[in-house]
Amino acid sequence: MQKTAPDNLGAIVKEARENAKITVESLAEQLNVTERYIYRIENEGKKPSFEILYKLIRILSINPDAIFYPEKPSKELEVENLTRLLHNCDERKLEIIKAAVYASIRTAPEKLAVT
């Protein structure tokens, strides 16, 4: 999840890669590019091709709005990122996540709005 609001593609990619705990070497292999190419995107302002950008967004679960609409509020981006990550979970992981959310809500009843 995004901790800061990176103002360029390289910072967004680097932060997403680090948050996903993916090494430059592993990402380069998944993209079928060199490690140097990844370093150039992250640190030198290299603009990837559409094909590579598409793969980066998918592999690193980057919200495209973070790249194309950086002015969008970060809270919305966080919710969208969580939703995207949930789509990658199997049923068992979803059950664990739901249980954790329900437990978290139950421990803070004063924050619940009764409808």
C-alpha atoms as a PDB file:
ATOM      1  CA  MET A   1       0.000   0.000   0.000  1.00  0.00           C
ATOM      2  CA  GLN A   2       1.115   3.473  -0.756  1.00  0.00           C
ATOM      3  CA  LYS A   3       2.631   5.259   2.245  1.00  0.00           C
ATOM      4  CA  THR A   4       3.511   8.412   0.372  1.00  0.00           C
ATOM      5  CA  ALA A   5       2.311  10.028  -2.796  1.00  0.00           C
ATOM      6  CA  PRO A   6       5.131   9.427  -5.260  1.00  0.00           C
ATOM      7  CA  ASP A   7       5.139  12.085  -7.943  1.00  0.00           C
ATOM      8  CA  ASN A   8       6.689  10.045 -10.710  1.00  0.00           C
ATOM      9  CA  LEU A   9       6.436   6.642 -12.282  1.00  0.00           C
ATOM     10  CA  GLY A  10       9.830   5.471 -11.058  1.00  0.00           C
ATOM     11  CA  ALA A  11       8.986   6.198  -7.423  1.00  0.00           C
ATOM     12  CA  ILE A  12       5.599   4.500  -7.788  1.00  0.00           C
ATOM     13  CA  VAL A  13       7.142   1.374  -9.319  1.00  0.00           C
ATOM     14  CA  LYS A  14       9.948   1.205  -6.768  1.00  0.00           C
ATOM     15  CA  GLU A  15       7.589   1.637  -3.815  1.00  0.00           C
ATOM     16  CA  ALA A  16       5.158  -0.973  -5.176  1.00  0.00           C
ATOM     17  CA  ARG A  17       7.998  -3.427  -5.816  1.00  0.00           C
ATOM     18  CA  GLU A  18       9.414  -2.953  -2.328  1.00  0.00           C
ATOM     19  CA  ASN A  19       5.959  -3.236  -0.726  1.00  0.00           C
ATOM     20  CA  ALA A  20       5.404  -6.483  -2.650  1.00  0.00           C
ATOM     21  CA  LYS A  21       8.832  -7.684  -1.456  1.00  0.00           C
ATOM     22  CA  ILE A  22       9.903  -8.429  -5.040  1.00  0.00           C
ATOM     23  CA  THR A  23      13.559  -8.014  -5.935  1.00  0.00           C
ATOM     24  CA  VAL A  24      14.713  -6.137  -9.009  1.00  0.00           C
ATOM     25  CA  GLU A  25      16.104  -9.440 -10.283  1.00  0.00           C
ATOM     26  CA  SER A  26      12.788 -11.253  -9.867  1.00  0.00           C
ATOM     27  CA  LEU A  27      10.794  -8.440 -11.448  1.00  0.00           C
ATOM     28  CA  ALA A  28      13.168  -8.243 -14.400  1.00  0.00           C
ATOM     29  CA  GLU A  29      12.784 -11.976 -14.919  1.00  0.00           C
ATOM     30  CA  GLN A  30       8.991 -11.771 -14.777  1.00  0.00           C
ATOM     31  CA  LEU A  31       9.008  -8.935 -17.302  1.00  0.00           C
ATOM     32  CA  ASN A  32      11.648 -10.561 -19.486  1.00  0.00           C
ATOM     33  CA  VAL A  33      13.846  -7.440 -19.312  1.00  0.00           C
ATOM     34  CA  THR A  34      17.230  -6.693 -17.786  1.00  0.00           C
ATOM     35  CA  GLU A  35      17.749  -5.578 -14.214  1.00  0.00           C
ATOM     36  CA  ARG A  36      19.326  -2.420 -15.605  1.00  0.00           C
ATOM     37  CA  TYR A  37      16.045  -1.639 -17.379  1.00  0.00           C
ATOM     38  CA  ILE A  38      14.166  -1.807 -14.049  1.00  0.00           C
ATOM     39  CA  TYR A  39      16.787   0.398 -12.366  1.00  0.00           C
ATOM     40  CA  ARG A  40      16.430   2.924 -15.191  1.00  0.00           C
ATOM     41  CA  ILE A  41      12.635   3.049 -14.725  1.00  0.00           C
ATOM     42  CA  GLU A  42      12.915   3.394 -10.953  1.00  0.00           C
ATOM     43  CA  ASN A  43      15.839   5.809 -10.755  1.00  0.00           C
ATOM     44  CA  GLU A  44      16.465   7.525 -14.082  1.00  0.00           C
ATOM     45  CA  GLY A  45      13.015   8.429 -15.389  1.00  0.00           C
ATOM     46  CA  LYS A  46      12.966   5.775 -18.116  1.00  0.00           C
ATOM     47  CA  LYS A  47       9.462   5.480 -19.541  1.00  0.00           C
ATOM     48  CA  PRO A  48       8.534   1.844 -20.239  1.00  0.00           C
ATOM     49  CA  SER A  49       6.602   0.671 -23.264  1.00  0.00           C
ATOM     50  CA  PHE A  50       2.868   0.147 -22.895  1.00  0.00           C
ATOM     51  CA  GLU A  51       3.419  -3.628 -22.706  1.00  0.00           C
ATOM     52  CA  ILE A  52       5.911  -3.291 -19.837  1.00  0.00           C
ATOM     53  CA  LEU A  53       3.808  -0.680 -18.046  1.00  0.00           C
ATOM     54  CA  TYR A  54       0.776  -2.978 -18.287  1.00  0.00           C
ATOM     55  CA  LYS A  55       2.764  -5.871 -16.817  1.00  0.00           C
ATOM     56  CA  LEU A  56       4.195  -3.661 -14.052  1.00  0.00           C
ATOM     57  CA  ILE A  57       0.704  -2.547 -13.056  1.00  0.00           C
ATOM     58  CA  ARG A  58      -0.525  -6.153 -12.964  1.00  0.00           C
ATOM     59  CA  ILE A  59       2.484  -7.791 -11.288  1.00  0.00           C
ATOM     60  CA  LEU A  60       2.919  -5.115  -8.627  1.00  0.00           C
ATOM     61  CA  SER A  61      -0.814  -4.438  -8.119  1.00  0.00           C
ATOM     62  CA  ILE A  62      -0.303  -0.759  -8.876  1.00  0.00           C
ATOM     63  CA  ASN A  63      -3.458   1.281  -9.061  1.00  0.00           C
ATOM     64  CA  PRO A  64      -3.345   2.876 -12.529  1.00  0.00           C
ATOM     65  CA  ASP A  65      -4.872   6.027 -11.051  1.00  0.00           C
ATOM     66  CA  ALA A  66      -1.679   6.519  -9.027  1.00  0.00           C
ATOM     67  CA  ILE A  67       0.119   6.909 -12.358  1.00  0.00           C
ATOM     68  CA  PHE A  68      -2.484   8.616 -14.526  1.00  0.00           C
ATOM     69  CA  TYR A  69      -4.432  10.609 -11.900  1.00  0.00           C
ATOM     70  CA  PRO A  70      -1.948  11.352  -9.100  1.00  0.00           C
ATOM     71  CA  GLU A  71      -4.182  14.119  -7.748  1.00  0.00           C
ATOM     72  CA  LYS A  72      -6.799  11.539  -6.699  1.00  0.00           C
ATOM     73  CA  PRO A  73      -7.067  11.292  -2.885  1.00  0.00           C
ATOM     74  CA  SER A  74      -4.769   8.630  -1.438  1.00  0.00           C
ATOM     75  CA  LYS A  75      -7.528   7.149   0.774  1.00  0.00           C
ATOM     76  CA  GLU A  76      -9.443   6.133  -2.376  1.00  0.00           C
ATOM     77  CA  LEU A  77      -6.264   4.670  -3.843  1.00  0.00           C
ATOM     78  CA  GLU A  78      -5.685   2.585  -0.711  1.00  0.00           C
ATOM     79  CA  VAL A  79      -9.200   1.144  -0.855  1.00  0.00           C
ATOM     80  CA  GLU A  80      -8.811   0.363  -4.552  1.00  0.00           C
ATOM     81  CA  ASN A  81      -5.417  -1.263  -3.920  1.00  0.00           C
ATOM     82  CA  LEU A  82      -6.930  -3.432  -1.187  1.00  0.00           C
ATOM     83  CA  THR A  83      -9.740  -4.458  -3.517  1.00  0.00           C
ATOM     84  CA  ARG A  84      -7.240  -5.384  -6.224  1.00  0.00           C
ATOM     85  CA  LEU A  85      -5.205  -7.429  -3.749  1.00  0.00           C
ATOM     86  CA  LEU A  86      -8.330  -9.228  -2.542  1.00  0.00           C
ATOM     87  CA  HIS A  87      -9.055 -10.341  -6.098  1.00  0.00           C
ATOM     88  CA  ASN A  88      -5.760 -12.234  -6.027  1.00  0.00           C
ATOM     89  CA  CYS A  89      -6.688 -14.207  -2.899  1.00  0.00           C
ATOM     90  CA  ASP A  90      -8.038 -17.734  -2.849  1.00  0.00           C
ATOM     91  CA  GLU A  91     -11.090 -18.654  -0.729  1.00  0.00           C
ATOM     92  CA  ARG A  92      -9.012 -19.637   2.315  1.00  0.00           C
ATOM     93  CA  LYS A  93      -7.131 -16.344   2.349  1.00  0.00           C
ATOM     94  CA  LEU A  94     -10.375 -14.407   1.922  1.00  0.00           C
ATOM     95  CA  GLU A  95     -11.876 -16.197   4.937  1.00  0.00           C
ATOM     96  CA  ILE A  96      -8.826 -15.314   7.037  1.00  0.00           C
ATOM     97  CA  ILE A  97      -9.001 -11.682   5.938  1.00  0.00           C
ATOM     98  CA  LYS A  98     -12.736 -11.473   6.644  1.00  0.00           C
ATOM     99  CA  ALA A  99     -12.232 -12.949  10.113  1.00  0.00           C
ATOM    100  CA  ALA A 100      -9.503 -10.402  10.846  1.00  0.00           C
ATOM    101  CA  VAL A 101     -11.690  -7.516   9.683  1.00  0.00           C
ATOM    102  CA  TYR A 102     -14.675  -8.695  11.722  1.00  0.00           C
ATOM    103  CA  ALA A 103     -12.487  -9.135  14.797  1.00  0.00           C
ATOM    104  CA  SER A 104     -11.048  -5.661  14.328  1.00  0.00           C
ATOM    105  CA  ILE A 105     -14.501  -4.132  14.052  1.00  0.00           C
ATOM    106  CA  ARG A 106     -15.751  -5.983  17.131  1.00  0.00           C
ATOM    107  CA  THR A 107     -12.873  -4.611  19.224  1.00  0.00           C
ATOM    108  CA  ALA A 108     -13.889  -1.016  18.457  1.00  0.00           C
ATOM    109  CA  PRO A 109     -17.705  -0.986  18.840  1.00  0.00           C
ATOM    110  CA  GLU A 110     -17.785   2.731  19.618  1.00  0.00           C
ATOM    111  CA  LYS A 111     -16.705   3.428  16.059  1.00  0.00           C
ATOM    112  CA  LEU A 112     -19.550   1.437  14.477  1.00  0.00           C
ATOM    113  CA  ALA A 113     -22.558   3.295  13.215  1.00  0.00           C
ATOM    114  CA  VAL A 114     -25.803   1.439  13.859  1.00  0.00           C
ATOM    115  CA  THR A 115     -28.140   1.582  10.900  1.00  0.00           C
END
